[in-house]
C-alpha atoms as a PDB file:
ATOM      1  CA  UNK A   1       0.000   0.000   0.000  1.00  0.00           C
ATOM      2  CA  UNK A   2       2.760   2.451   0.982  1.00  0.00           C
ATOM      3  CA  UNK A   3       6.403   2.163   0.001  1.00  0.00           C
ATOM      4  CA  UNK A   4       8.938   4.663   1.346  1.00  0.00           C
ATOM      5  CA  UNK A   5      12.481   4.379  -0.007  1.00  0.00           C
ATOM      6  CA  UNK A   6      15.617   6.283   1.098  1.00  0.00           C
ATOM      7  CA  UNK A   7      13.596   9.302   2.184  1.00  0.00           C
ATOM      8  CA  UNK A   8      15.601  12.419   3.089  1.00  0.00           C
ATOM      9  CA  UNK A   9      14.316  15.837   4.106  1.00  0.00           C
ATOM     10  CA  UNK A  10      16.686  18.693   4.921  1.00  0.00           C
ATOM     11  CA  UNK A  11      15.985  22.181   6.196  1.00  0.00           C
ATOM     12  CA  UNK A  12      19.236  24.005   5.527  1.00  0.00           C
ATOM     13  CA  UNK A  13      21.893  22.173   7.540  1.00  0.00           C
ATOM     14  CA  UNK A  14      19.325  20.271   9.608  1.00  0.00           C
ATOM     15  CA  UNK A  15      18.326  16.772   8.474  1.00  0.00           C
ATOM     16  CA  UNK A  16      14.788  16.050   9.678  1.00  0.00           C
ATOM     17  CA  UNK A  17      14.449  12.700   7.882  1.00  0.00           C
ATOM     18  CA  UNK A  18      17.595  10.671   7.262  1.00  0.00           C
ATOM     19  CA  UNK A  19      17.488   7.886   4.644  1.00  0.00           C
ATOM     20  CA  UNK A  20      14.212   6.427   5.933  1.00  0.00           C
ATOM     21  CA  UNK A  21      12.748   3.306   4.307  1.00  0.00           C
ATOM     22  CA  UNK A  22       9.712   1.174   5.233  1.00  0.00           C
ATOM     23  CA  UNK A  23       6.585  -0.426   3.780  1.00  0.00           C
ATOM     24  CA  UNK A  24       2.981  -0.463   5.000  1.00  0.00           C
ATOM     25  CA  UNK A  25       0.890  -3.510   4.158  1.00  0.00           C
ATOM     26  CA  UNK A  26      -2.835  -3.619   3.458  1.00  0.00           C
ATOM     27  CA  UNK A  27      -5.475  -3.953   6.172  1.00  0.00           C
ATOM     28  CA  UNK A  28      -3.393  -3.268   9.287  1.00  0.00           C
ATOM     29  CA  UNK A  29      -3.064  -0.476  11.832  1.00  0.00           C
ATOM     30  CA  UNK A  30       0.482   0.909  12.005  1.00  0.00           C
ATOM     31  CA  UNK A  31       1.784   2.983  14.879  1.00  0.00           C
ATOM     32  CA  UNK A  32       4.429   5.641  14.231  1.00  0.00           C
ATOM     33  CA  UNK A  33       6.443   6.421  17.372  1.00  0.00           C
ATOM     34  CA  UNK A  34       9.349   8.719  18.113  1.00  0.00           C
ATOM     35  CA  UNK A  35      10.490  11.486  20.455  1.00  0.00           C
ATOM     36  CA  UNK A  36       9.697  15.114  19.690  1.00  0.00           C
ATOM     37  CA  UNK A  37      11.695  16.239  16.668  1.00  0.00           C
ATOM     38  CA  UNK A  38      12.252  12.673  15.453  1.00  0.00           C
ATOM     39  CA  UNK A  39      10.725  13.401  12.021  1.00  0.00           C
ATOM     40  CA  UNK A  40       7.293  11.775  12.359  1.00  0.00           C
ATOM     41  CA  UNK A  41       5.199  14.732  11.211  1.00  0.00           C
ATOM     42  CA  UNK A  42       7.671  15.629   8.454  1.00  0.00           C
ATOM     43  CA  UNK A  43       7.497  12.061   7.135  1.00  0.00           C
ATOM     44  CA  UNK A  44       3.694  12.097   7.207  1.00  0.00           C
ATOM     45  CA  UNK A  45       3.587  15.439   5.394  1.00  0.00           C
ATOM     46  CA  UNK A  46       5.828  14.037   2.652  1.00  0.00           C
ATOM     47  CA  UNK A  47       3.743  10.852   2.391  1.00  0.00           C
ATOM     48  CA  UNK A  48       0.570  12.893   1.918  1.00  0.00           C
ATOM     49  CA  UNK A  49       2.098  15.323  -0.570  1.00  0.00           C
ATOM     50  CA  UNK A  50       2.127  18.391   1.692  1.00  0.00           C
ATOM     51  CA  UNK A  51       5.937  18.552   1.543  1.00  0.00           C
ATOM     52  CA  UNK A  52       8.467  17.605  -1.118  1.00  0.00           C
ATOM     53  CA  UNK A  53      11.341  15.316  -0.162  1.00  0.00           C
ATOM     54  CA  UNK A  54      14.960  16.351  -0.607  1.00  0.00           C
ATOM     55  CA  UNK A  55      15.755  12.809  -1.753  1.00  0.00           C
ATOM     56  CA  UNK A  56      13.978   9.462  -2.007  1.00  0.00           C
ATOM     57  CA  UNK A  57      10.533   8.329  -3.135  1.00  0.00           C
ATOM     58  CA  UNK A  58       7.093   7.613  -1.683  1.00  0.00           C
ATOM     59  CA  UNK A  59       4.626   5.369  -3.516  1.00  0.00           C
ATOM     60  CA  UNK A  60       0.952   5.218  -2.566  1.00  0.00           C
ATOM     61  CA  UNK A  61      -0.833   2.223  -4.097  1.00  0.00           C
ATOM     62  CA  UNK A  62       1.771   2.223  -6.878  1.00  0.00           C
ATOM     63  CA  UNK A  63       1.644   5.988  -7.567  1.00  0.00           C
ATOM     64  CA  UNK A  64       4.593   8.297  -6.890  1.00  0.00           C
ATOM     65  CA  UNK A  65       3.331  11.056  -4.589  1.00  0.00           C
ATOM     66  CA  UNK A  66       5.579  13.674  -6.244  1.00  0.00           C
ATOM     67  CA  UNK A  67       5.164  12.675  -9.888  1.00  0.00           C
ATOM     68  CA  UNK A  68       1.519  11.532  -9.751  1.00  0.00           C
ATOM     69  CA  UNK A  69       0.055  13.528  -6.838  1.00  0.00           C
ATOM     70  CA  UNK A  70      -3.591  13.498  -7.918  1.00  0.00           C
ATOM     71  CA  UNK A  71      -3.702   9.730  -8.417  1.00  0.00           C
ATOM     72  CA  UNK A  72      -1.797   9.069  -5.180  1.00  0.00           C
ATOM     73  CA  UNK A  73      -3.851  11.445  -3.013  1.00  0.00           C
ATOM     74  CA  UNK A  74      -7.073   9.825  -4.205  1.00  0.00           C
ATOM     75  CA  UNK A  75      -6.125   6.829  -2.052  1.00  0.00           C
ATOM     76  CA  UNK A  76      -5.313   8.839   1.105  1.00  0.00           C
ATOM     77  CA  UNK A  77      -7.361  10.347   3.908  1.00  0.00           C
ATOM     78  CA  UNK A  78      -5.301  12.617   6.160  1.00  0.00           C
ATOM     79  CA  UNK A  79      -5.899  14.124   9.584  1.00  0.00           C
ATOM     80  CA  UNK A  80      -3.083  16.499  10.661  1.00  0.00           C
ATOM     81  CA  UNK A  81      -2.356  17.094  14.340  1.00  0.00           C
ATOM     82  CA  UNK A  82      -4.375  20.333  14.097  1.00  0.00           C
ATOM     83  CA  UNK A  83      -7.566  19.381  12.169  1.00  0.00           C
ATOM     84  CA  UNK A  84      -8.090  21.601   9.077  1.00  0.00           C
ATOM     85  CA  UNK A  85     -11.540  22.836  10.090  1.00  0.00           C
ATOM     86  CA  UNK A  86     -13.513  25.894   8.982  1.00  0.00           C
ATOM     87  CA  UNK A  87     -14.880  27.187  12.255  1.00  0.00           C
ATOM     88  CA  UNK A  88     -17.737  29.236  10.765  1.00  0.00           C
ATOM     89  CA  UNK A  89     -19.197  26.253   8.902  1.00  0.00           C
ATOM     90  CA  UNK A  90     -21.630  23.765  10.358  1.00  0.00           C
ATOM     91  CA  UNK A  91     -20.480  20.152  10.530  1.00  0.00           C
ATOM     92  CA  UNK A  92     -22.735  19.203   7.608  1.00  0.00           C
ATOM     93  CA  UNK A  93     -21.539  22.141   5.469  1.00  0.00           C
ATOM     94  CA  UNK A  94     -17.923  21.279   6.137  1.00  0.00           C
ATOM     95  CA  UNK A  95     -18.306  17.597   5.235  1.00  0.00           C
ATOM     96  CA  UNK A  96     -20.168  18.504   2.036  1.00  0.00           C
ATOM     97  CA  UNK A  97     -17.308  20.862   1.195  1.00  0.00           C
ATOM     98  CA  UNK A  98     -14.750  18.094   1.853  1.00  0.00           C
ATOM     99  CA  UNK A  99     -16.733  15.669  -0.312  1.00  0.00           C
ATOM    100  CA  UNK A 100     -16.776  18.197  -3.152  1.00  0.00           C
ATOM    101  CA  UNK A 101     -13.010  18.723  -2.893  1.00  0.00           C
ATOM    102  CA  UNK A 102     -12.473  14.963  -2.997  1.00  0.00           C
ATOM    103  CA  UNK A 103     -14.729  14.726  -6.057  1.00  0.00           C
ATOM    104  CA  UNK A 104     -17.205  12.326  -4.503  1.00  0.00           C
ATOM    105  CA  UNK A 105     -20.019  11.904  -7.093  1.00  0.00           C
ATOM    106  CA  UNK A 106     -23.020  14.109  -6.255  1.00  0.00           C
ATOM    107  CA  UNK A 107     -25.457  11.216  -6.243  1.00  0.00           C
ATOM    108  CA  UNK A 108     -23.355   9.460  -3.573  1.00  0.00           C
ATOM    109  CA  UNK A 109     -22.517  12.388  -1.306  1.00  0.00           C
ATOM    110  CA  UNK A 110     -25.608  12.561   0.879  1.00  0.00           C
ATOM    111  CA  UNK A 111     -25.677   8.846   1.738  1.00  0.00           C
ATOM    112  CA  UNK A 112     -21.914   8.687   2.255  1.00  0.00           C
ATOM    113  CA  UNK A 113     -21.801  11.727   4.545  1.00  0.00           C
ATOM    114  CA  UNK A 114     -24.759  10.410   6.531  1.00  0.00           C
ATOM    115  CA  UNK A 115     -23.023   7.056   7.011  1.00  0.00           C
ATOM    116  CA  UNK A 116     -19.697   8.640   7.986  1.00  0.00           C
ATOM    117  CA  UNK A 117     -21.326  11.019  10.478  1.00  0.00           C
ATOM    118  CA  UNK A 118     -23.055   8.099  12.106  1.00  0.00           C
ATOM    119  CA  UNK A 119     -19.793   6.137  12.183  1.00  0.00           C
ATOM    120  CA  UNK A 120     -17.936   9.075  13.772  1.00  0.00           C
ATOM    121  CA  UNK A 121     -20.745   9.796  16.232  1.00  0.00           C
ATOM    122  CA  UNK A 122     -21.390  13.379  15.100  1.00  0.00           C
ATOM    123  CA  UNK A 123     -24.916  13.107  13.675  1.00  0.00           C
ATOM    124  CA  UNK A 124     -26.350  14.919  16.701  1.00  0.00           C
ATOM    125  CA  UNK A 125     -24.169  18.012  16.050  1.00  0.00           C
ATOM    126  CA  UNK A 126     -24.462  18.194  12.251  1.00  0.00           C
ATOM    127  CA  UNK A 127     -26.248  21.588  12.354  1.00  0.00           C
ATOM    128  CA  UNK A 128     -23.915  23.177  14.893  1.00  0.00           C
ATOM    129  CA  UNK A 129     -21.077  25.558  14.039  1.00  0.00           C
ATOM    130  CA  UNK A 130     -17.699  23.847  14.383  1.00  0.00           C
ATOM    131  CA  UNK A 131     -16.349  26.691  16.538  1.00  0.00           C
ATOM    132  CA  UNK A 132     -18.972  25.831  19.167  1.00  0.00           C
ATOM    133  CA  UNK A 133     -17.935  22.172  19.437  1.00  0.00           C
ATOM    134  CA  UNK A 134     -15.724  20.620  22.111  1.00  0.00           C
ATOM    135  CA  UNK A 135     -12.201  19.459  21.230  1.00  0.00           C
ATOM    136  CA  UNK A 136     -13.360  15.858  21.184  1.00  0.00           C
ATOM    137  CA  UNK A 137     -16.141  16.589  18.677  1.00  0.00           C
ATOM    138  CA  UNK A 138     -13.796  18.675  16.526  1.00  0.00           C
ATOM    139  CA  UNK A 139     -11.377  15.750  16.433  1.00  0.00           C
ATOM    140  CA  UNK A 140     -14.223  13.489  15.293  1.00  0.00           C
ATOM    141  CA  UNK A 141     -15.201  15.960  12.572  1.00  0.00           C
ATOM    142  CA  UNK A 142     -11.579  16.026  11.392  1.00  0.00           C
ATOM    143  CA  UNK A 143     -11.508  12.245  11.328  1.00  0.00           C
ATOM    144  CA  UNK A 144     -14.796  12.173   9.425  1.00  0.00           C
ATOM    145  CA  UNK A 145     -13.334  14.396   6.667  1.00  0.00           C
ATOM    146  CA  UNK A 146     -10.367  11.998   6.419  1.00  0.00           C
ATOM    147  CA  UNK A 147     -12.799   9.125   5.784  1.00  0.00           C
ATOM    148  CA  UNK A 148     -14.782  10.994   3.100  1.00  0.00           C
ATOM    149  CA  UNK A 149     -14.407   9.165  -0.199  1.00  0.00           C
ATOM    150  CA  UNK A 150     -13.534   5.935   1.635  1.00  0.00           C
ATOM    151  CA  UNK A 151      -9.789   6.020   0.849  1.00  0.00           C
ATOM    152  CA  UNK A 152      -7.824   2.792   1.245  1.00  0.00           C
ATOM    153  CA  UNK A 153      -5.249   4.530   3.467  1.00  0.00           C
ATOM    154  CA  UNK A 154      -5.977   6.783   6.459  1.00  0.00           C
ATOM    155  CA  UNK A 155      -3.037   8.726   7.939  1.00  0.00           C
ATOM    156  CA  UNK A 156      -3.572  10.311  11.363  1.00  0.00           C
ATOM    157  CA  UNK A 157      -1.085  12.581  13.123  1.00  0.00           C
ATOM    158  CA  UNK A 158      -1.658  12.568  16.893  1.00  0.00           C
ATOM    159  CA  UNK A 159      -5.422  11.871  16.623  1.00  0.00           C
ATOM    160  CA  UNK A 160      -5.773  11.608  20.416  1.00  0.00           C
ATOM    161  CA  UNK A 161      -3.771  14.695  21.400  1.00  0.00           C
ATOM    162  CA  UNK A 162      -5.510  16.709  24.107  1.00  0.00           C
ATOM    163  CA  UNK A 163      -8.463  14.337  24.505  1.00  0.00           C
ATOM    164  CA  UNK A 164      -9.766  13.100  27.841  1.00  0.00           C
ATOM    165  CA  UNK A 165      -9.873   9.327  28.605  1.00  0.00           C
ATOM    166  CA  UNK A 166     -13.496   8.976  27.479  1.00  0.00           C
ATOM    167  CA  UNK A 167     -12.820  10.724  24.171  1.00  0.00           C
ATOM    168  CA  UNK A 168      -9.687   8.605  23.635  1.00  0.00           C
ATOM    169  CA  UNK A 169     -11.781   5.473  24.137  1.00  0.00           C
ATOM    170  CA  UNK A 170     -14.330   6.713  21.582  1.00  0.00           C
ATOM    171  CA  UNK A 171     -11.653   7.450  18.964  1.00  0.00           C
ATOM    172  CA  UNK A 172     -10.032   4.064  19.640  1.00  0.00           C
ATOM    173  CA  UNK A 173     -13.371   2.325  19.106  1.00  0.00           C
ATOM    174  CA  UNK A 174     -13.877   4.211  15.842  1.00  0.00           C
ATOM    175  CA  UNK A 175     -10.410   3.240  14.581  1.00  0.00           C
ATOM    176  CA  UNK A 176     -11.195  -0.374  15.411  1.00  0.00           C
ATOM    177  CA  UNK A 177     -14.311  -0.177  13.201  1.00  0.00           C
ATOM    178  CA  UNK A 178     -12.315   1.358  10.347  1.00  0.00           C
ATOM    179  CA  UNK A 179      -9.489  -1.184  10.516  1.00  0.00           C
ATOM    180  CA  UNK A 180     -11.377  -3.872   8.655  1.00  0.00           C
ATOM    181  CA  UNK A 181     -11.742  -1.840   5.451  1.00  0.00           C
ATOM    182  CA  UNK A 182      -8.832   0.613   5.670  1.00  0.00           C
ATOM    183  CA  UNK A 183      -5.096   0.621   6.267  1.00  0.00           C
ATOM    184  CA  UNK A 184      -4.369   3.066   9.084  1.00  0.00           C
ATOM    185  CA  UNK A 185      -1.098   4.779   9.941  1.00  0.00           C
ATOM    186  CA  UNK A 186      -1.142   6.891  13.098  1.00  0.00           C
ATOM    187  CA  UNK A 187       1.378   8.680  15.262  1.00  0.00           C
ATOM    188  CA  UNK A 188       0.862   9.142  18.973  1.00  0.00           C
ATOM    189  CA  UNK A 189       2.674   9.914  22.219  1.00  0.00           C
ATOM    190  CA  UNK A 190       0.228   7.733  24.165  1.00  0.00           C
ATOM    191  CA  UNK A 191       2.247   4.494  24.168  1.00  0.00           C
ATOM    192  CA  UNK A 192      -0.455   2.444  25.883  1.00  0.00           C
ATOM    193  CA  UNK A 193      -2.901   3.336  23.106  1.00  0.00           C
ATOM    194  CA  UNK A 194      -0.393   2.443  20.396  1.00  0.00           C
ATOM    195  CA  UNK A 195       0.184  -0.907  22.099  1.00  0.00           C
ATOM    196  CA  UNK A 196      -3.566  -1.553  22.349  1.00  0.00           C
ATOM    197  CA  UNK A 197      -4.607  -0.448  18.863  1.00  0.00           C
ATOM    198  CA  UNK A 198      -1.744  -1.220  16.499  1.00  0.00           C
ATOM    199  CA  UNK A 199      -0.818  -4.433  14.700  1.00  0.00           C
ATOM    200  CA  UNK A 200       2.633  -3.081  13.810  1.00  0.00           C
ATOM    201  CA  UNK A 201       4.848  -0.396  15.369  1.00  0.00           C
ATOM    202  CA  UNK A 202       7.594   1.674  13.758  1.00  0.00           C
ATOM    203  CA  UNK A 203       9.917   3.639  16.028  1.00  0.00           C
ATOM    204  CA  UNK A 204      12.047   6.452  14.616  1.00  0.00           C
ATOM    205  CA  UNK A 205      14.681   8.687  16.192  1.00  0.00           C
ATOM    206  CA  UNK A 206      16.646  11.477  14.513  1.00  0.00           C
ATOM    207  CA  UNK A 207      14.835  10.770  11.273  1.00  0.00           C
ATOM    208  CA  UNK A 208      16.018   7.150  11.121  1.00  0.00           C
ATOM    209  CA  UNK A 209      14.105   3.902  11.633  1.00  0.00           C
ATOM    210  CA  UNK A 210      15.110   2.408  14.983  1.00  0.00           C
ATOM    211  CA  UNK A 211      12.758  -0.611  14.912  1.00  0.00           C
ATOM    212  CA  UNK A 212       9.794  -2.020  13.004  1.00  0.00           C
ATOM    213  CA  UNK A 213       7.799  -4.985  14.282  1.00  0.00           C
ATOM    214  CA  UNK A 214       4.621  -6.080  16.031  1.00  0.00           C
ATOM    215  CA  UNK A 215       4.297  -5.104  19.720  1.00  0.00           C
ATOM    216  CA  UNK A 216       5.121  -8.678  20.756  1.00  0.00           C
ATOM    217  CA  UNK A 217       7.947  -8.828  18.221  1.00  0.00           C
ATOM    218  CA  UNK A 218       9.510  -5.685  19.681  1.00  0.00           C
ATOM    219  CA  UNK A 219       9.390  -7.194  23.148  1.00  0.00           C
ATOM    220  CA  UNK A 220      11.104 -10.359  21.899  1.00  0.00           C
ATOM    221  CA  UNK A 221      13.674  -8.255  20.055  1.00  0.00           C
ATOM    222  CA  UNK A 222      14.610  -6.353  23.205  1.00  0.00           C
ATOM    223  CA  UNK A 223      14.501  -9.374  25.524  1.00  0.00           C
ATOM    224  CA  UNK A 224      18.240 -10.070  25.566  1.00  0.00           C
ATOM    225  CA  UNK A 225      17.857 -10.930  29.229  1.00  0.00           C
ATOM    226  CA  UNK A 226      14.982 -11.930  31.456  1.00  0.00           C
ATOM    227  CA  UNK A 227      14.437  -9.919  34.621  1.00  0.00           C
ATOM    228  CA  UNK A 228      13.172 -11.646  37.759  1.00  0.00           C
ATOM    229  CA  UNK A 229      12.076  -9.991  40.984  1.00  0.00           C
ATOM    230  CA  UNK A 230      12.231 -12.320  43.993  1.00  0.00           C
ATOM    231  CA  UNK A 231      11.572 -11.939  47.719  1.00  0.00           C
ATOM    232  CA  UNK A 232      12.905 -14.675  50.015  1.00  0.00           C
ATOM    233  CA  UNK A 233      13.550 -15.293  53.715  1.00  0.00           C
ATOM    234  CA  UNK A 234      17.069 -15.889  55.027  1.00  0.00           C
ATOM    235  CA  UNK A 235      20.503 -14.327  55.061  1.00  0.00           C
ATOM    236  CA  UNK A 236      21.850 -12.128  52.295  1.00  0.00           C
ATOM    237  CA  UNK A 237      25.264 -13.839  52.504  1.00  0.00           C
ATOM    238  CA  UNK A 238      23.770 -17.260  51.722  1.00  0.00           C
ATOM    239  CA  UNK A 239      21.664 -15.774  48.933  1.00  0.00           C
ATOM    240  CA  UNK A 240      24.764 -14.260  47.309  1.00  0.00           C
ATOM    241  CA  UNK A 241      26.477 -17.658  47.487  1.00  0.00           C
ATOM    242  CA  UNK A 242      23.564 -19.387  45.752  1.00  0.00           C
ATOM    243  CA  UNK A 243      23.100 -16.704  43.099  1.00  0.00           C
ATOM    244  CA  UNK A 244      26.828 -16.576  42.330  1.00  0.00           C
ATOM    245  CA  UNK A 245      26.857 -20.318  41.622  1.00  0.00           C
ATOM    246  CA  UNK A 246      24.110 -20.150  38.939  1.00  0.00           C
ATOM    247  CA  UNK A 247      25.629 -19.950  35.456  1.00  0.00           C
ATOM    248  CA  UNK A 248      22.587 -18.336  33.786  1.00  0.00           C
ATOM    249  CA  UNK A 249      22.616 -15.275  36.050  1.00  0.00           C
ATOM    250  CA  UNK A 250      24.182 -12.182  34.497  1.00  0.00           C
ATOM    251  CA  UNK A 251      23.821  -9.850  37.479  1.00  0.00           C
ATOM    252  CA  UNK A 252      21.729  -9.245  40.597  1.00  0.00           C
ATOM    253  CA  UNK A 253      21.013  -6.388  42.992  1.00  0.00           C
ATOM    254  CA  UNK A 254      19.455  -6.379  46.443  1.00  0.00           C
ATOM    255  CA  UNK A 255      16.687  -3.898  47.254  1.00  0.00           C
ATOM    256  CA  UNK A 256      14.895  -2.820  50.418  1.00  0.00           C
ATOM    257  CA  UNK A 257      11.845  -4.830  51.432  1.00  0.00           C
ATOM    258  CA  UNK A 258       9.109  -4.480  54.027  1.00  0.00           C
ATOM    259  CA  UNK A 259       9.225  -8.223  54.729  1.00  0.00           C
ATOM    260  CA  UNK A 260      10.622  -9.038  58.188  1.00  0.00           C
ATOM    261  CA  UNK A 261      13.741 -11.268  57.973  1.00  0.00           C
ATOM    262  CA  UNK A 262      13.391 -11.170  54.218  1.00  0.00           C
ATOM    263  CA  UNK A 263      15.329  -9.867  51.258  1.00  0.00           C
ATOM    264  CA  UNK A 264      14.331  -8.609  47.829  1.00  0.00           C
ATOM    265  CA  UNK A 265      16.603  -9.246  44.870  1.00  0.00           C
ATOM    266  CA  UNK A 266      16.351  -8.219  41.205  1.00  0.00           C
ATOM    267  CA  UNK A 267      18.032 -10.730  38.875  1.00  0.00           C
ATOM    268  CA  UNK A 268      19.058 -10.428  35.208  1.00  0.00           C
ATOM    269  CA  UNK A 269      19.642 -13.684  33.336  1.00  0.00           C
ATOM    270  CA  UNK A 270      21.621 -14.456  30.215  1.00  0.00           C
ATOM    271  CA  UNK A 271      19.949 -15.121  26.844  1.00  0.00           C
ATOM    272  CA  UNK A 272      16.431 -14.596  28.208  1.00  0.00           C
ATOM    273  CA  UNK A 273      16.569 -17.861  30.190  1.00  0.00           C
ATOM    274  CA  UNK A 274      13.742 -18.402  32.687  1.00  0.00           C
ATOM    275  CA  UNK A 275      15.342 -19.747  35.895  1.00  0.00           C
ATOM    276  CA  UNK A 276      12.426 -19.344  38.292  1.00  0.00           C
ATOM    277  CA  UNK A 277      12.174 -23.083  38.900  1.00  0.00           C
ATOM    278  CA  UNK A 278      15.906 -23.403  39.568  1.00  0.00           C
ATOM    279  CA  UNK A 279      15.824 -20.446  41.955  1.00  0.00           C
ATOM    280  CA  UNK A 280      12.863 -21.818  43.899  1.00  0.00           C
ATOM    281  CA  UNK A 281      14.449 -25.261  44.360  1.00  0.00           C
ATOM    282  CA  UNK A 282      17.884 -23.878  45.322  1.00  0.00           C
ATOM    283  CA  UNK A 283      16.581 -21.438  47.938  1.00  0.00           C
ATOM    284  CA  UNK A 284      14.033 -23.860  49.417  1.00  0.00           C
ATOM    285  CA  UNK A 285      16.623 -26.669  49.734  1.00  0.00           C
ATOM    286  CA  UNK A 286      18.823 -24.325  51.764  1.00  0.00           C
ATOM    287  CA  UNK A 287      16.057 -23.384  54.176  1.00  0.00           C
ATOM    288  CA  UNK A 288      15.270 -20.041  52.505  1.00  0.00           C
ATOM    289  CA  UNK A 289      11.613 -20.112  51.489  1.00  0.00           C
ATOM    290  CA  UNK A 290      10.669 -17.967  48.484  1.00  0.00           C
ATOM    291  CA  UNK A 291       7.931 -15.511  49.476  1.00  0.00           C
ATOM    292  CA  UNK A 292       7.263 -14.151  45.982  1.00  0.00           C
ATOM    293  CA  UNK A 293       8.752 -14.341  42.518  1.00  0.00           C
ATOM    294  CA  UNK A 294       7.768 -12.468  39.358  1.00  0.00           C
ATOM    295  CA  UNK A 295       9.142 -12.235  35.861  1.00  0.00           C
ATOM    296  CA  UNK A 296       9.327  -8.531  34.934  1.00  0.00           C
ATOM    297  CA  UNK A 297       8.088  -7.859  31.408  1.00  0.00           C
ATOM    298  CA  UNK A 298       9.361  -4.844  29.473  1.00  0.00           C
ATOM    299  CA  UNK A 299       6.662  -2.353  28.591  1.00  0.00           C
ATOM    300  CA  UNK A 300       6.417  -0.552  25.275  1.00  0.00           C
ATOM    301  CA  UNK A 301       7.655   2.545  27.102  1.00  0.00           C
ATOM    302  CA  UNK A 302      10.810   0.688  28.218  1.00  0.00           C
ATOM    303  CA  UNK A 303      11.439  -0.468  24.656  1.00  0.00           C
ATOM    304  CA  UNK A 304      10.795   3.001  23.244  1.00  0.00           C
ATOM    305  CA  UNK A 305      13.251   4.629  25.657  1.00  0.00           C
ATOM    306  CA  UNK A 306      15.900   1.976  25.081  1.00  0.00           C
ATOM    307  CA  UNK A 307      15.724   2.202  21.288  1.00  0.00           C
ATOM    308  CA  UNK A 308      15.696   5.990  21.069  1.00  0.00           C
ATOM    309  CA  UNK A 309      18.002   6.960  23.933  1.00  0.00           C
ATOM    310  CA  UNK A 310      21.267   6.240  22.120  1.00  0.00           C
ATOM    311  CA  UNK A 311      20.242   7.997  18.901  1.00  0.00           C
ATOM    312  CA  UNK A 312      18.998  11.063  20.792  1.00  0.00           C
ATOM    313  CA  UNK A 313      22.301  11.212  22.682  1.00  0.00           C
ATOM    314  CA  UNK A 314      24.229  11.018  19.402  1.00  0.00           C
ATOM    315  CA  UNK A 315      22.218  13.929  18.010  1.00  0.00           C
ATOM    316  CA  UNK A 316      22.851  16.021  21.114  1.00  0.00           C
ATOM    317  CA  UNK A 317      26.585  15.314  20.878  1.00  0.00           C
ATOM    318  CA  UNK A 318      26.607  16.328  17.219  1.00  0.00           C
ATOM    319  CA  UNK A 319      24.941  19.659  18.039  1.00  0.00           C
ATOM    320  CA  UNK A 320      27.309  20.428  20.923  1.00  0.00           C
ATOM    321  CA  UNK A 321      30.005  22.881  19.714  1.00  0.00           C
ATOM    322  CA  UNK A 322      33.603  21.810  19.999  1.00  0.00           C
ATOM    323  CA  UNK A 323      35.507  23.733  22.688  1.00  0.00           C
ATOM    324  CA  UNK A 324      39.196  24.625  22.404  1.00  0.00           C
ATOM    325  CA  UNK A 325      41.516  22.691  24.679  1.00  0.00           C
ATOM    326  CA  UNK A 326      43.301  25.730  26.143  1.00  0.00           C
ATOM    327  CA  UNK A 327      43.013  29.468  26.338  1.00  0.00           C
ATOM    328  CA  UNK A 328      46.122  29.645  24.161  1.00  0.00           C
ATOM    329  CA  UNK A 329      44.237  27.917  21.341  1.00  0.00           C
ATOM    330  CA  UNK A 330      41.636  30.685  21.484  1.00  0.00           C
ATOM    331  CA  UNK A 331      44.134  33.580  21.552  1.00  0.00           C
ATOM    332  CA  UNK A 332      46.654  32.283  19.022  1.00  0.00           C
ATOM    333  CA  UNK A 333      45.951  33.666  15.527  1.00  0.00           C
ATOM    334  CA  UNK A 334      45.372  31.117  12.806  1.00  0.00           C
ATOM    335  CA  UNK A 335      48.362  30.817  10.457  1.00  0.00           C
ATOM    336  CA  UNK A 336      47.721  29.421   6.982  1.00  0.00           C
ATOM    337  CA  UNK A 337      49.346  26.057   6.424  1.00  0.00           C
ATOM    338  CA  UNK A 338      52.084  25.075   8.838  1.00  0.00           C
ATOM    339  CA  UNK A 339      54.031  28.276   8.388  1.00  0.00           C
ATOM    340  CA  UNK A 340      55.641  28.195  11.829  1.00  0.00           C
ATOM    341  CA  UNK A 341      57.361  24.858  11.224  1.00  0.00           C
ATOM    342  CA  UNK A 342      58.748  26.117   7.891  1.00  0.00           C
ATOM    343  CA  UNK A 343      60.809  28.847   9.586  1.00  0.00           C
ATOM    344  CA  UNK A 344      64.270  27.586  10.574  1.00  0.00           C
ATOM    345  CA  UNK A 345      65.262  28.075  14.199  1.00  0.00           C
ATOM    346  CA  UNK A 346      67.919  30.670  15.060  1.00  0.00           C
ATOM    347  CA  UNK A 347      71.375  29.572  13.892  1.00  0.00           C
ATOM    348  CA  UNK A 348      70.040  26.682  11.818  1.00  0.00           C
ATOM    349  CA  UNK A 349      71.141  26.630   8.170  1.00  0.00           C
ATOM    350  CA  UNK A 350      68.867  25.532   5.417  1.00  0.00           C
ATOM    351  CA  UNK A 351      70.115  22.317   3.864  1.00  0.00           C
ATOM    352  CA  UNK A 352      68.436  22.728   0.450  1.00  0.00           C
ATOM    353  CA  UNK A 353      69.423  25.256  -2.134  1.00  0.00           C
ATOM    354  CA  UNK A 354      73.083  25.422  -1.054  1.00  0.00           C
ATOM    355  CA  UNK A 355      74.327  25.202  -4.644  1.00  0.00           C
ATOM    356  CA  UNK A 356      72.555  28.385  -5.699  1.00  0.00           C
END
């Protein structure tokens, strides 16, 4: 459905999108994640034809968005982060206007708009001016205009920004209804919603793709080690002896616990090995009953931070100006070439040119 190849977007010396490539398959909901300034909105604006790329190509259903914009845009419905609403229009007037712009046949407009308003839950406000609507209703109206014409692809930039929990639930339910007949690509800072809604997640940082997989696939990708949290009774010295003898343990740390005569330890294993059974047997056999034991699963937030932290740090280092080593380096005038070394020291004769 969507094919992005070697996409680059530069603003002067700043590279917002850096050689980005990915594909979006039919009939799935894709989540687009990244820290602020990662290039999400820029990428979406290029994909929808609002911006031109510096380099690279974007194909929508086989059409190049730059070379064949009209054909490509016919397959896209787009909701920017700030919905493009005309505040002095009623909801019905605005959707009729959007249908006209999208060249929906006149004989189909009324039935299509009626169906989309019902789907978006805005039928009861169709005669109201948009400026008098709440943020949640305005977001629904913006989403409704993106659905006009029933495009195969719906691209949504922060569709849940600024909404309360009830409104977020309503938008999530609506996206679930649309998923069967449309391919949806959405960006969001609400990681729990991305994890709940999306079939596939793409994470970008500094304009580059950091990871692309299903939510479960990302968790498996990042699970280089299993983390176990255990509380047991007994002495810390004996616990250290037992833990140190287990070959699958990478590291462990002791933490404070409210349990009397107990200890709490956080354990990292090698190669994602689950050693809960081994731990339970070893501690119990040495008279140290295990009070609780849990395997700690990484959340999408943990994965997001881990994947983007290094790239964000690299970008910050690149922007940090180099500082001279000494004050002398600042004060010494720059001499073209290595002129100082070309001047012979006092009393030293030049060895070349003696025959002249």
